[in-house]
């Protein structure tokens, strides 16, 4: 999603990027994300500088998190949630819900491990860091610190330039990994039996569950 935002929504004249991310390894605080941001700066040259700040808590208090879903609203299939999220706030405006498809999900981890010279293991502990920076001037380094002030440490995350893999990219060009998957992911027959409760759902939901592929 961040890749789509950088190329399709953010003005190309914007060169620095400073963002807040949840301090959660399962979301954005992981080595794949670190390498992606480094790749955007040093391989695609889409940005000149990136700074990521991680709040102390595991999950930040973003506006969507502050809204409680009306327990009386009915959501039986994934698309039902779109309208629920959109109508969860009226002022100052409804939430802008971006519907995504499989084209947003790409195999970035495998791409960095096999098609580039990035180190396969993060050279620093990611859990305690509070800020991370990537500078155009230092193409092999990521800067980080475990507090919100003081000096940064640095770590090499990419091999030497003479040994780099992959094509040489023109500015603002990006080589994308293949899609993570195509089509609906089949579920096991055992799990498929667990959705027998669809008899309590509406006709649209019944059709959705009946069309799910299964092994």
N, C-alpha and C. Protein backbone atom coordinates (compact mmCIF):
# COMPACT_ATOMS: atom_id res chain seq x y z
N UNK A 1 0.82 -1.19 0.00
CA UNK A 1 0.00 0.00 0.00
C UNK A 1 0.86 1.26 0.00
N UNK A 2 1.96 1.22 0.75
CA UNK A 2 2.86 2.37 0.77
C UNK A 2 3.46 2.60 -0.61
N UNK A 3 3.81 1.52 -1.30
CA UNK A 3 4.37 1.64 -2.64
C UNK A 3 3.36 2.31 -3.58
N UNK A 4 2.12 1.92 -3.50
CA UNK A 4 1.08 2.52 -4.33
C UNK A 4 0.90 4.00 -3.99
N UNK A 5 0.95 4.34 -2.71
CA UNK A 5 0.81 5.73 -2.29
C UNK A 5 1.95 6.59 -2.84
N UNK A 6 3.18 6.07 -2.78
CA UNK A 6 4.34 6.84 -3.23
C UNK A 6 4.29 7.14 -4.72
N UNK A 7 3.81 6.19 -5.50
CA UNK A 7 3.85 6.35 -6.95
C UNK A 7 2.57 6.92 -7.54
N UNK A 8 1.45 6.74 -6.87
CA UNK A 8 0.17 7.12 -7.48
C UNK A 8 -0.57 8.25 -6.77
N UNK A 9 -0.16 8.57 -5.55
CA UNK A 9 -0.86 9.60 -4.79
C UNK A 9 0.05 10.76 -4.38
N UNK A 10 1.23 10.45 -3.91
CA UNK A 10 2.14 11.50 -3.45
C UNK A 10 2.74 12.25 -4.64
N UNK A 11 2.71 13.58 -4.56
CA UNK A 11 3.28 14.41 -5.62
C UNK A 11 4.74 14.03 -5.85
N UNK A 12 5.12 13.85 -7.11
CA UNK A 12 6.49 13.45 -7.44
C UNK A 12 7.52 14.50 -7.04
N UNK A 13 7.06 15.73 -6.79
CA UNK A 13 7.99 16.77 -6.36
C UNK A 13 8.38 16.61 -4.89
N UNK A 14 7.63 15.82 -4.16
CA UNK A 14 7.94 15.58 -2.75
C UNK A 14 9.10 14.61 -2.67
N UNK A 15 10.20 15.05 -2.06
CA UNK A 15 11.40 14.22 -2.00
C UNK A 15 11.67 13.67 -0.60
N UNK A 16 11.42 14.40 0.48
CA UNK A 16 11.57 13.80 1.81
C UNK A 16 10.25 13.20 2.28
N UNK A 17 10.33 12.19 3.10
CA UNK A 17 9.13 11.57 3.66
C UNK A 17 9.36 11.29 5.13
N UNK A 18 8.49 11.82 5.99
CA UNK A 18 8.56 11.54 7.42
C UNK A 18 7.21 10.97 7.84
N UNK A 19 7.23 9.78 8.41
CA UNK A 19 5.99 9.09 8.74
C UNK A 19 6.06 8.50 10.15
N UNK A 20 4.89 8.27 10.72
CA UNK A 20 4.75 7.54 11.97
C UNK A 20 4.23 6.15 11.64
N UNK A 21 4.81 5.14 12.28
CA UNK A 21 4.36 3.76 12.08
C UNK A 21 4.14 3.11 13.44
N UNK A 22 3.19 2.21 13.48
CA UNK A 22 2.98 1.43 14.70
C UNK A 22 4.24 0.67 15.05
N UNK A 23 4.56 0.64 16.33
CA UNK A 23 5.76 -0.07 16.80
C UNK A 23 5.43 -1.54 16.97
N UNK A 24 5.06 -2.17 15.87
CA UNK A 24 4.61 -3.56 15.88
C UNK A 24 5.25 -4.30 14.72
N UNK A 25 5.99 -5.36 15.04
CA UNK A 25 6.71 -6.11 14.02
C UNK A 25 5.80 -6.75 12.99
N UNK A 26 4.57 -7.06 13.37
CA UNK A 26 3.65 -7.67 12.44
C UNK A 26 3.08 -6.71 11.43
N UNK A 27 3.30 -5.41 11.62
CA UNK A 27 2.79 -4.43 10.68
C UNK A 27 3.94 -3.80 9.90
N UNK A 28 4.54 -2.75 10.43
CA UNK A 28 5.55 -2.03 9.66
C UNK A 28 6.95 -2.05 10.26
N UNK A 29 7.07 -2.48 11.48
CA UNK A 29 8.39 -2.45 12.13
C UNK A 29 9.09 -3.78 11.92
N UNK A 30 9.55 -4.01 10.70
CA UNK A 30 10.22 -5.26 10.37
C UNK A 30 11.24 -5.01 9.26
N UNK A 31 12.09 -5.97 9.06
CA UNK A 31 13.22 -5.79 8.14
C UNK A 31 12.77 -5.66 6.69
N UNK A 32 11.68 -6.29 6.32
CA UNK A 32 11.19 -6.13 4.95
C UNK A 32 10.81 -4.68 4.69
N UNK A 33 10.15 -4.04 5.64
CA UNK A 33 9.79 -2.64 5.48
C UNK A 33 11.03 -1.75 5.46
N UNK A 34 12.01 -2.05 6.31
CA UNK A 34 13.24 -1.26 6.32
C UNK A 34 13.92 -1.33 4.95
N UNK A 35 14.02 -2.53 4.40
CA UNK A 35 14.65 -2.69 3.09
C UNK A 35 13.83 -2.02 2.00
N UNK A 36 12.51 -2.08 2.11
CA UNK A 36 11.67 -1.42 1.11
C UNK A 36 11.94 0.08 1.07
N UNK A 37 11.99 0.71 2.23
CA UNK A 37 12.24 2.15 2.28
C UNK A 37 13.63 2.49 1.74
N UNK A 38 14.61 1.65 2.07
CA UNK A 38 15.96 1.84 1.54
C UNK A 38 15.97 1.69 0.02
N UNK A 39 15.23 0.72 -0.47
CA UNK A 39 15.13 0.46 -1.91
C UNK A 39 14.50 1.66 -2.64
N UNK A 40 13.49 2.25 -2.02
CA UNK A 40 12.81 3.40 -2.63
C UNK A 40 13.77 4.59 -2.75
N UNK A 41 14.63 4.77 -1.76
CA UNK A 41 15.57 5.90 -1.79
C UNK A 41 16.74 5.63 -2.72
N UNK A 42 17.33 4.45 -2.62
CA UNK A 42 18.62 4.22 -3.29
C UNK A 42 18.53 3.45 -4.60
N UNK A 43 17.44 2.78 -4.88
CA UNK A 43 17.33 2.06 -6.14
C UNK A 43 16.37 2.73 -7.11
N UNK A 44 15.25 3.20 -6.61
CA UNK A 44 14.30 3.88 -7.50
C UNK A 44 14.51 5.39 -7.50
N UNK A 45 15.17 5.91 -6.46
CA UNK A 45 15.42 7.36 -6.31
C UNK A 45 14.12 8.16 -6.28
N UNK A 46 13.06 7.51 -5.82
CA UNK A 46 11.78 8.22 -5.69
C UNK A 46 11.85 9.25 -4.57
N UNK A 47 12.59 8.97 -3.51
CA UNK A 47 12.74 9.88 -2.39
C UNK A 47 14.22 10.11 -2.11
N UNK A 48 14.51 11.24 -1.47
CA UNK A 48 15.89 11.55 -1.07
C UNK A 48 16.15 11.22 0.39
N UNK A 49 15.09 11.18 1.17
CA UNK A 49 15.26 11.03 2.62
C UNK A 49 13.98 10.44 3.20
N UNK A 50 14.14 9.51 4.13
CA UNK A 50 13.01 8.92 4.83
C UNK A 50 13.31 8.90 6.32
N UNK A 51 12.33 9.31 7.10
CA UNK A 51 12.43 9.20 8.56
C UNK A 51 11.16 8.54 9.07
N UNK A 52 11.33 7.49 9.86
CA UNK A 52 10.20 6.78 10.43
C UNK A 52 10.28 6.89 11.95
N UNK A 53 9.21 7.32 12.57
CA UNK A 53 9.13 7.43 14.03
C UNK A 53 8.15 6.38 14.54
N UNK A 54 8.60 5.61 15.52
CA UNK A 54 7.76 4.57 16.11
C UNK A 54 7.34 5.00 17.52
N UNK A 55 6.04 5.11 17.78
CA UNK A 55 5.59 5.45 19.13
C UNK A 55 6.01 4.38 20.13
N UNK A 56 6.04 4.75 21.40
CA UNK A 56 6.47 3.82 22.44
C UNK A 56 5.50 2.66 22.56
N UNK A 57 4.22 2.93 22.49
CA UNK A 57 3.23 1.86 22.55
C UNK A 57 3.29 1.00 21.29
N UNK A 58 2.82 -0.21 21.41
CA UNK A 58 2.83 -1.11 20.27
C UNK A 58 1.94 -0.64 19.14
N UNK A 59 0.82 0.00 19.49
CA UNK A 59 -0.10 0.49 18.48
C UNK A 59 -0.41 1.95 18.78
N UNK A 60 -0.28 2.80 17.76
CA UNK A 60 -0.55 4.21 17.95
C UNK A 60 -2.05 4.46 17.94
N UNK A 61 -2.45 5.61 18.44
CA UNK A 61 -3.86 5.94 18.52
C UNK A 61 -4.28 6.74 17.28
N UNK A 62 -4.36 6.06 16.17
CA UNK A 62 -4.81 6.70 14.95
C UNK A 62 -6.33 6.85 14.99
N UNK A 63 -6.83 7.78 14.19
CA UNK A 63 -8.26 8.09 14.24
C UNK A 63 -9.15 6.88 13.98
N UNK A 64 -8.83 6.02 13.00
CA UNK A 64 -9.72 4.87 12.80
C UNK A 64 -9.79 3.96 14.02
N UNK A 65 -8.72 3.93 14.83
CA UNK A 65 -8.72 3.07 16.01
C UNK A 65 -9.63 3.62 17.11
N UNK A 66 -9.96 4.91 17.02
CA UNK A 66 -10.73 5.54 18.09
C UNK A 66 -12.24 5.34 17.91
N UNK A 67 -12.62 4.75 16.80
CA UNK A 67 -14.05 4.60 16.53
C UNK A 67 -14.48 3.17 16.83
N UNK A 68 -15.57 3.04 17.55
CA UNK A 68 -16.11 1.72 17.85
C UNK A 68 -17.16 1.37 16.81
N UNK A 69 -17.10 0.14 16.34
CA UNK A 69 -18.08 -0.31 15.36
C UNK A 69 -19.43 -0.51 16.04
N UNK A 70 -20.47 -0.03 15.40
CA UNK A 70 -21.82 -0.24 15.90
C UNK A 70 -22.12 -1.73 15.87
N UNK A 71 -22.37 -2.30 17.03
CA UNK A 71 -22.57 -3.75 17.12
C UNK A 71 -23.85 -4.22 16.45
N UNK A 72 -24.71 -3.28 16.09
CA UNK A 72 -25.97 -3.65 15.44
C UNK A 72 -25.84 -3.69 13.92
N UNK A 73 -24.69 -3.22 13.40
CA UNK A 73 -24.49 -3.27 11.96
C UNK A 73 -24.08 -4.68 11.54
N UNK A 74 -24.56 -5.10 10.40
CA UNK A 74 -24.36 -6.47 9.95
C UNK A 74 -23.21 -6.51 8.93
N UNK A 75 -22.24 -7.38 9.17
CA UNK A 75 -21.12 -7.58 8.25
C UNK A 75 -20.89 -9.07 8.10
N UNK A 76 -21.21 -9.60 6.94
CA UNK A 76 -21.10 -11.03 6.70
C UNK A 76 -19.96 -11.39 5.77
N UNK A 77 -19.62 -10.50 4.86
CA UNK A 77 -18.53 -10.74 3.92
C UNK A 77 -17.61 -9.52 3.92
N UNK A 78 -16.38 -9.65 3.42
CA UNK A 78 -15.41 -8.55 3.51
C UNK A 78 -15.92 -7.22 2.96
N UNK A 79 -16.64 -7.24 1.85
CA UNK A 79 -17.08 -5.98 1.25
C UNK A 79 -18.07 -5.23 2.13
N UNK A 80 -18.73 -5.92 3.05
CA UNK A 80 -19.67 -5.24 3.95
C UNK A 80 -18.97 -4.24 4.85
N UNK A 81 -17.69 -4.49 5.12
CA UNK A 81 -16.98 -3.61 6.04
C UNK A 81 -16.67 -2.25 5.43
N UNK A 82 -16.65 -2.17 4.11
CA UNK A 82 -16.30 -0.90 3.45
C UNK A 82 -17.25 0.20 3.88
N UNK A 83 -18.54 -0.05 3.78
CA UNK A 83 -19.52 0.96 4.14
C UNK A 83 -19.53 1.22 5.64
N UNK A 84 -19.27 0.20 6.44
CA UNK A 84 -19.23 0.38 7.89
C UNK A 84 -18.09 1.32 8.27
N UNK A 85 -16.90 1.10 7.68
CA UNK A 85 -15.77 1.98 7.97
C UNK A 85 -16.02 3.39 7.44
N UNK A 86 -16.60 3.48 6.25
CA UNK A 86 -16.83 4.79 5.65
C UNK A 86 -17.81 5.62 6.47
N UNK A 87 -18.78 4.98 7.05
CA UNK A 87 -19.81 5.70 7.81
C UNK A 87 -19.50 5.78 9.30
N UNK A 88 -18.31 5.32 9.71
CA UNK A 88 -17.97 5.34 11.13
C UNK A 88 -17.72 6.76 11.63
N UNK A 89 -17.51 7.70 10.72
CA UNK A 89 -17.31 9.10 11.11
C UNK A 89 -18.04 10.00 10.14
N UNK A 90 -18.66 11.04 10.67
CA UNK A 90 -19.36 12.01 9.83
C UNK A 90 -18.64 13.34 9.78
N UNK A 91 -18.05 13.76 10.91
CA UNK A 91 -17.36 15.05 10.98
C UNK A 91 -15.89 14.83 11.30
N UNK A 92 -14.99 15.57 10.69
CA UNK A 92 -15.24 16.61 9.67
C UNK A 92 -15.62 16.04 8.30
N UNK A 93 -15.40 14.75 8.09
CA UNK A 93 -15.78 14.10 6.84
C UNK A 93 -15.74 12.59 7.06
N UNK A 94 -16.43 11.83 6.25
CA UNK A 94 -16.34 10.36 6.38
C UNK A 94 -14.92 9.89 6.10
N UNK A 95 -14.56 8.75 6.65
CA UNK A 95 -13.26 8.17 6.36
C UNK A 95 -13.17 7.84 4.87
N UNK A 96 -12.00 8.08 4.30
CA UNK A 96 -11.74 7.72 2.91
C UNK A 96 -11.25 6.28 2.88
N UNK A 97 -12.09 5.36 2.49
CA UNK A 97 -11.77 3.94 2.49
C UNK A 97 -11.25 3.54 1.12
N UNK A 98 -10.04 3.04 1.07
CA UNK A 98 -9.43 2.60 -0.19
C UNK A 98 -9.60 1.09 -0.30
N UNK A 99 -10.35 0.67 -1.28
CA UNK A 99 -10.54 -0.76 -1.50
C UNK A 99 -9.34 -1.31 -2.29
N UNK A 100 -8.76 -2.37 -1.80
CA UNK A 100 -7.56 -2.92 -2.43
C UNK A 100 -7.86 -4.30 -3.00
N UNK A 101 -7.03 -4.68 -3.97
CA UNK A 101 -7.15 -6.01 -4.55
C UNK A 101 -5.79 -6.71 -4.49
N UNK A 102 -5.67 -7.83 -5.16
CA UNK A 102 -4.46 -8.63 -5.04
C UNK A 102 -3.23 -7.95 -5.63
N UNK A 103 -3.42 -6.94 -6.47
CA UNK A 103 -2.28 -6.25 -7.07
C UNK A 103 -1.47 -5.46 -6.04
N UNK A 104 -2.05 -5.24 -4.86
CA UNK A 104 -1.34 -4.52 -3.80
C UNK A 104 -0.38 -5.43 -3.04
N UNK A 105 -0.56 -6.73 -3.14
CA UNK A 105 0.20 -7.67 -2.32
C UNK A 105 1.28 -8.33 -3.16
N UNK A 106 2.52 -8.00 -2.86
CA UNK A 106 3.65 -8.52 -3.62
C UNK A 106 4.67 -9.18 -2.69
N UNK A 107 5.45 -10.07 -3.25
CA UNK A 107 6.39 -10.87 -2.46
C UNK A 107 7.69 -10.10 -2.23
N UNK A 108 7.60 -9.04 -1.44
CA UNK A 108 8.76 -8.19 -1.22
C UNK A 108 9.87 -8.91 -0.47
N UNK A 109 9.54 -9.70 0.53
CA UNK A 109 10.58 -10.37 1.32
C UNK A 109 11.42 -11.29 0.45
N UNK A 110 10.78 -12.11 -0.35
CA UNK A 110 11.52 -13.01 -1.24
C UNK A 110 12.30 -12.23 -2.28
N UNK A 111 11.73 -11.13 -2.76
CA UNK A 111 12.42 -10.28 -3.73
C UNK A 111 13.72 -9.74 -3.16
N UNK A 112 13.68 -9.22 -1.94
CA UNK A 112 14.89 -8.67 -1.34
C UNK A 112 15.91 -9.76 -1.03
N UNK A 113 15.44 -10.95 -0.69
CA UNK A 113 16.35 -12.04 -0.34
C UNK A 113 17.03 -12.66 -1.56
N UNK A 114 16.38 -12.64 -2.71
CA UNK A 114 16.89 -13.37 -3.87
C UNK A 114 17.30 -12.50 -5.05
N UNK A 115 16.75 -11.31 -5.17
CA UNK A 115 17.01 -10.48 -6.34
C UNK A 115 17.85 -9.25 -6.05
N UNK A 116 18.25 -9.06 -4.83
CA UNK A 116 19.06 -7.90 -4.46
C UNK A 116 20.20 -8.34 -3.57
N UNK A 117 21.07 -7.41 -3.22
CA UNK A 117 22.20 -7.71 -2.34
C UNK A 117 21.94 -7.27 -0.90
N UNK A 118 20.70 -7.09 -0.54
CA UNK A 118 20.42 -6.77 0.86
C UNK A 118 20.76 -7.97 1.74
N UNK A 119 21.27 -7.66 2.93
CA UNK A 119 21.52 -8.73 3.90
C UNK A 119 20.20 -9.41 4.23
N UNK A 120 20.24 -10.71 4.37
CA UNK A 120 19.01 -11.45 4.63
C UNK A 120 18.54 -11.31 6.07
N UNK A 121 19.44 -10.95 6.97
CA UNK A 121 19.08 -10.78 8.37
C UNK A 121 19.35 -9.35 8.79
N UNK A 122 18.43 -8.77 9.51
CA UNK A 122 18.59 -7.39 9.96
C UNK A 122 19.82 -7.27 10.85
N UNK A 123 20.73 -6.35 10.57
CA UNK A 123 21.98 -6.24 11.33
C UNK A 123 21.83 -5.52 12.68
N UNK A 124 20.63 -5.14 13.04
CA UNK A 124 20.42 -4.50 14.34
C UNK A 124 19.08 -4.97 14.90
N UNK A 125 18.91 -4.82 16.19
CA UNK A 125 17.66 -5.22 16.83
C UNK A 125 16.57 -4.20 16.49
N UNK A 126 15.51 -4.66 15.91
CA UNK A 126 14.46 -3.73 15.48
C UNK A 126 13.51 -3.36 16.60
N UNK A 127 13.32 -4.24 17.55
CA UNK A 127 12.29 -4.00 18.58
C UNK A 127 12.53 -2.73 19.40
N UNK A 128 13.75 -2.44 19.85
CA UNK A 128 13.92 -1.26 20.71
C UNK A 128 14.04 0.08 19.98
N UNK A 129 14.16 0.09 18.66
CA UNK A 129 14.41 1.37 17.99
C UNK A 129 13.17 2.25 18.02
N UNK A 130 13.41 3.56 18.10
CA UNK A 130 12.35 4.56 18.12
C UNK A 130 12.32 5.39 16.84
N UNK A 131 13.47 5.56 16.22
CA UNK A 131 13.52 6.32 14.97
C UNK A 131 14.46 5.64 13.99
N UNK A 132 14.12 5.75 12.72
CA UNK A 132 14.92 5.17 11.65
C UNK A 132 15.04 6.18 10.52
N UNK A 133 16.23 6.33 9.97
CA UNK A 133 16.45 7.30 8.90
C UNK A 133 17.23 6.66 7.76
N UNK A 134 16.90 7.10 6.55
CA UNK A 134 17.62 6.66 5.35
C UNK A 134 17.97 7.91 4.56
N UNK A 135 19.26 8.07 4.27
CA UNK A 135 19.76 9.26 3.59
C UNK A 135 20.28 8.88 2.20
N UNK A 136 19.99 9.71 1.23
CA UNK A 136 20.45 9.47 -0.13
C UNK A 136 21.98 9.44 -0.21
N UNK A 137 22.64 10.21 0.66
CA UNK A 137 24.09 10.34 0.59
C UNK A 137 24.83 9.08 1.05
N UNK A 138 24.15 8.20 1.76
CA UNK A 138 24.81 7.01 2.32
C UNK A 138 24.05 5.77 1.84
N UNK A 139 24.47 5.26 0.68
CA UNK A 139 23.63 4.30 -0.03
C UNK A 139 23.61 2.92 0.59
N UNK A 140 24.54 2.57 1.47
CA UNK A 140 24.54 1.22 2.05
C UNK A 140 24.05 1.20 3.50
N UNK A 141 23.69 2.35 4.03
CA UNK A 141 23.43 2.46 5.46
C UNK A 141 21.97 2.75 5.79
N UNK A 142 21.58 2.29 6.96
CA UNK A 142 20.35 2.73 7.62
C UNK A 142 20.75 3.27 8.98
N UNK A 143 20.22 4.44 9.33
CA UNK A 143 20.50 5.06 10.62
C UNK A 143 19.32 4.80 11.56
N UNK A 144 19.62 4.61 12.82
CA UNK A 144 18.56 4.31 13.79
C UNK A 144 19.00 4.73 15.18
N UNK A 145 18.05 4.89 16.07
CA UNK A 145 18.37 5.15 17.48
C UNK A 145 17.24 4.63 18.35
N UNK A 146 17.57 4.36 19.59
CA UNK A 146 16.62 3.75 20.52
C UNK A 146 15.95 4.77 21.41
N UNK A 147 16.06 6.05 21.05
CA UNK A 147 15.39 7.12 21.78
C UNK A 147 14.98 8.18 20.77
N UNK A 148 14.31 9.23 21.25
CA UNK A 148 13.87 10.29 20.35
C UNK A 148 14.84 11.47 20.31
N UNK A 149 15.98 11.33 20.93
CA UNK A 149 17.00 12.37 20.86
C UNK A 149 18.36 11.71 21.01
N UNK A 150 19.40 12.47 20.71
CA UNK A 150 20.74 11.92 20.78
C UNK A 150 21.23 11.44 19.43
N UNK A 151 22.44 10.91 19.43
CA UNK A 151 23.09 10.49 18.19
C UNK A 151 22.48 9.19 17.65
N UNK A 152 22.53 9.05 16.34
CA UNK A 152 22.06 7.83 15.68
C UNK A 152 23.22 6.85 15.48
N UNK A 153 22.91 5.60 15.49
CA UNK A 153 23.84 4.56 15.07
C UNK A 153 23.54 4.22 13.61
N UNK A 154 24.45 3.52 12.97
CA UNK A 154 24.23 3.14 11.57
C UNK A 154 24.57 1.67 11.38
N UNK A 155 23.98 1.08 10.36
CA UNK A 155 24.23 -0.32 10.04
C UNK A 155 24.24 -0.49 8.53
N UNK A 156 25.13 -1.33 8.04
CA UNK A 156 25.18 -1.65 6.61
C UNK A 156 24.11 -2.70 6.32
N UNK A 157 23.28 -2.43 5.33
CA UNK A 157 22.20 -3.36 4.99
C UNK A 157 22.32 -3.91 3.57
N UNK A 158 23.28 -3.39 2.81
CA UNK A 158 23.40 -3.80 1.42
C UNK A 158 24.86 -4.07 1.08
N UNK A 159 25.07 -5.01 0.14
CA UNK A 159 26.42 -5.36 -0.28
C UNK A 159 27.10 -4.22 -1.02
N UNK A 160 28.36 -4.43 -1.34
CA UNK A 160 29.12 -3.39 -2.03
C UNK A 160 28.54 -3.13 -3.41
N UNK A 161 28.72 -1.91 -3.88
CA UNK A 161 28.11 -1.48 -5.14
C UNK A 161 28.58 -2.32 -6.31
N UNK A 162 29.83 -2.75 -6.30
CA UNK A 162 30.36 -3.52 -7.42
C UNK A 162 29.74 -4.90 -7.53
N UNK A 163 29.07 -5.35 -6.46
CA UNK A 163 28.48 -6.69 -6.46
C UNK A 163 26.96 -6.66 -6.49
N UNK A 164 26.38 -5.51 -6.77
CA UNK A 164 24.93 -5.39 -6.74
C UNK A 164 24.27 -6.27 -7.80
N UNK A 165 23.14 -6.83 -7.44
CA UNK A 165 22.33 -7.60 -8.36
C UNK A 165 21.25 -6.72 -8.95
N UNK A 166 20.62 -7.25 -10.00
CA UNK A 166 19.44 -6.58 -10.53
C UNK A 166 19.78 -5.50 -11.53
N UNK A 167 18.79 -5.02 -12.27
CA UNK A 167 19.00 -4.01 -13.30
C UNK A 167 19.26 -2.64 -12.70
N UNK A 168 19.95 -1.82 -13.47
CA UNK A 168 20.15 -0.42 -13.08
C UNK A 168 18.88 0.34 -13.44
N UNK A 169 18.30 1.01 -12.46
CA UNK A 169 17.02 1.67 -12.66
C UNK A 169 17.20 3.14 -12.98
N UNK A 170 16.35 3.64 -13.87
CA UNK A 170 16.28 5.07 -14.10
C UNK A 170 15.55 5.71 -12.93
N UNK A 171 15.75 7.01 -12.76
CA UNK A 171 15.08 7.69 -11.65
C UNK A 171 13.57 7.57 -11.79
N UNK A 172 12.91 7.36 -10.65
CA UNK A 172 11.46 7.21 -10.58
C UNK A 172 10.95 5.99 -11.34
N UNK A 173 11.79 4.96 -11.45
CA UNK A 173 11.37 3.68 -12.01
C UNK A 173 11.52 2.62 -10.93
N UNK A 174 10.61 1.66 -10.93
CA UNK A 174 10.61 0.67 -9.85
C UNK A 174 10.37 -0.72 -10.42
N UNK A 175 11.26 -1.66 -10.09
CA UNK A 175 11.05 -3.06 -10.43
C UNK A 175 10.23 -3.68 -9.32
N UNK A 176 9.08 -4.21 -9.66
CA UNK A 176 8.18 -4.76 -8.65
C UNK A 176 8.33 -6.28 -8.56
N UNK A 177 8.22 -6.82 -7.36
CA UNK A 177 8.21 -8.28 -7.20
C UNK A 177 6.93 -8.86 -7.79
N UNK A 178 6.89 -10.17 -7.99
CA UNK A 178 5.64 -10.80 -8.44
C UNK A 178 4.58 -10.71 -7.34
N UNK A 179 3.35 -10.95 -7.73
CA UNK A 179 2.26 -10.93 -6.76
C UNK A 179 2.44 -12.05 -5.73
N UNK A 180 1.99 -11.79 -4.53
CA UNK A 180 2.09 -12.80 -3.47
C UNK A 180 1.21 -14.01 -3.77
N UNK A 181 0.11 -13.79 -4.44
CA UNK A 181 -0.79 -14.89 -4.79
C UNK A 181 -1.72 -14.41 -5.89
N UNK A 182 -2.37 -15.34 -6.55
CA UNK A 182 -3.34 -14.99 -7.58
C UNK A 182 -4.62 -15.78 -7.34
N UNK A 183 -5.74 -15.13 -7.50
CA UNK A 183 -7.01 -15.80 -7.25
C UNK A 183 -7.27 -15.97 -5.77
N UNK A 184 -8.39 -16.53 -5.46
CA UNK A 184 -8.74 -16.79 -4.07
C UNK A 184 -7.88 -17.91 -3.51
N UNK A 185 -7.45 -17.77 -2.27
CA UNK A 185 -6.63 -18.79 -1.63
C UNK A 185 -7.54 -19.92 -1.15
N UNK A 186 -7.29 -21.16 -1.59
CA UNK A 186 -8.15 -22.27 -1.16
C UNK A 186 -8.06 -22.51 0.35
N UNK A 187 -9.16 -22.91 0.93
CA UNK A 187 -9.17 -23.28 2.34
C UNK A 187 -9.35 -24.79 2.43
N UNK A 188 -8.94 -25.35 3.54
CA UNK A 188 -9.03 -26.80 3.71
C UNK A 188 -10.48 -27.24 3.82
N UNK A 189 -10.72 -28.50 3.47
CA UNK A 189 -12.08 -29.04 3.56
C UNK A 189 -12.59 -29.00 5.00
N UNK A 190 -11.67 -29.22 5.95
CA UNK A 190 -12.07 -29.19 7.36
C UNK A 190 -12.54 -27.81 7.76
N UNK A 191 -11.81 -26.79 7.32
CA UNK A 191 -12.22 -25.42 7.65
C UNK A 191 -13.49 -25.05 6.89
N UNK A 192 -13.62 -25.58 5.69
CA UNK A 192 -14.81 -25.27 4.91
C UNK A 192 -16.08 -25.74 5.63
N UNK A 193 -15.98 -26.86 6.35
CA UNK A 193 -17.13 -27.38 7.09
C UNK A 193 -17.54 -26.43 8.21
N UNK A 194 -16.57 -25.63 8.67
CA UNK A 194 -16.87 -24.72 9.78
C UNK A 194 -17.76 -23.55 9.36
N UNK A 195 -17.92 -23.36 8.05
CA UNK A 195 -18.75 -22.24 7.62
C UNK A 195 -20.17 -22.69 7.30
N UNK A 196 -20.54 -23.85 7.86
CA UNK A 196 -21.93 -24.30 7.70
C UNK A 196 -22.92 -23.31 8.29
N UNK A 197 -22.43 -22.43 9.15
CA UNK A 197 -23.32 -21.43 9.75
C UNK A 197 -23.80 -20.41 8.74
N UNK A 198 -23.36 -20.55 7.49
CA UNK A 198 -23.82 -19.61 6.47
C UNK A 198 -25.33 -19.67 6.26
N UNK A 199 -25.95 -20.71 6.76
CA UNK A 199 -27.41 -20.78 6.63
C UNK A 199 -28.11 -19.66 7.39
N UNK A 200 -27.36 -19.02 8.29
CA UNK A 200 -27.92 -17.88 9.02
C UNK A 200 -27.63 -16.55 8.31
N UNK A 201 -26.92 -16.63 7.19
CA UNK A 201 -26.53 -15.42 6.46
C UNK A 201 -27.54 -15.11 5.36
N UNK A 202 -27.37 -13.92 4.78
CA UNK A 202 -28.19 -13.54 3.65
C UNK A 202 -27.76 -14.25 2.39
N UNK A 203 -28.53 -14.07 1.31
CA UNK A 203 -28.25 -14.77 0.05
C UNK A 203 -26.89 -14.39 -0.54
N UNK A 204 -26.52 -13.10 -0.43
CA UNK A 204 -25.25 -12.65 -0.98
C UNK A 204 -24.08 -13.32 -0.27
N UNK A 205 -24.17 -13.42 1.04
CA UNK A 205 -23.10 -14.05 1.82
C UNK A 205 -23.04 -15.55 1.54
N UNK A 206 -24.19 -16.18 1.39
CA UNK A 206 -24.21 -17.61 1.09
C UNK A 206 -23.49 -17.89 -0.22
N UNK A 207 -23.75 -17.06 -1.23
CA UNK A 207 -23.09 -17.25 -2.52
C UNK A 207 -21.58 -17.03 -2.41
N UNK A 208 -21.19 -16.03 -1.62
CA UNK A 208 -19.76 -15.75 -1.42
C UNK A 208 -19.05 -16.96 -0.83
N UNK A 209 -19.63 -17.54 0.22
CA UNK A 209 -18.99 -18.68 0.88
C UNK A 209 -19.04 -19.94 0.02
N UNK A 210 -20.11 -20.12 -0.75
CA UNK A 210 -20.21 -21.29 -1.62
C UNK A 210 -19.16 -21.25 -2.73
N UNK A 211 -18.75 -20.04 -3.14
CA UNK A 211 -17.79 -19.90 -4.23
C UNK A 211 -16.33 -19.94 -3.77
N UNK A 212 -16.10 -20.04 -2.47
CA UNK A 212 -14.73 -20.12 -1.98
C UNK A 212 -14.09 -21.43 -2.44
N UNK A 213 -12.87 -21.37 -3.00
CA UNK A 213 -12.19 -22.61 -3.39
C UNK A 213 -11.74 -23.38 -2.16
N UNK A 214 -11.73 -24.68 -2.27
CA UNK A 214 -11.29 -25.50 -1.13
C UNK A 214 -10.48 -26.68 -1.64
N UNK A 215 -9.59 -27.16 -0.80
CA UNK A 215 -8.76 -28.31 -1.15
C UNK A 215 -9.53 -29.61 -0.92
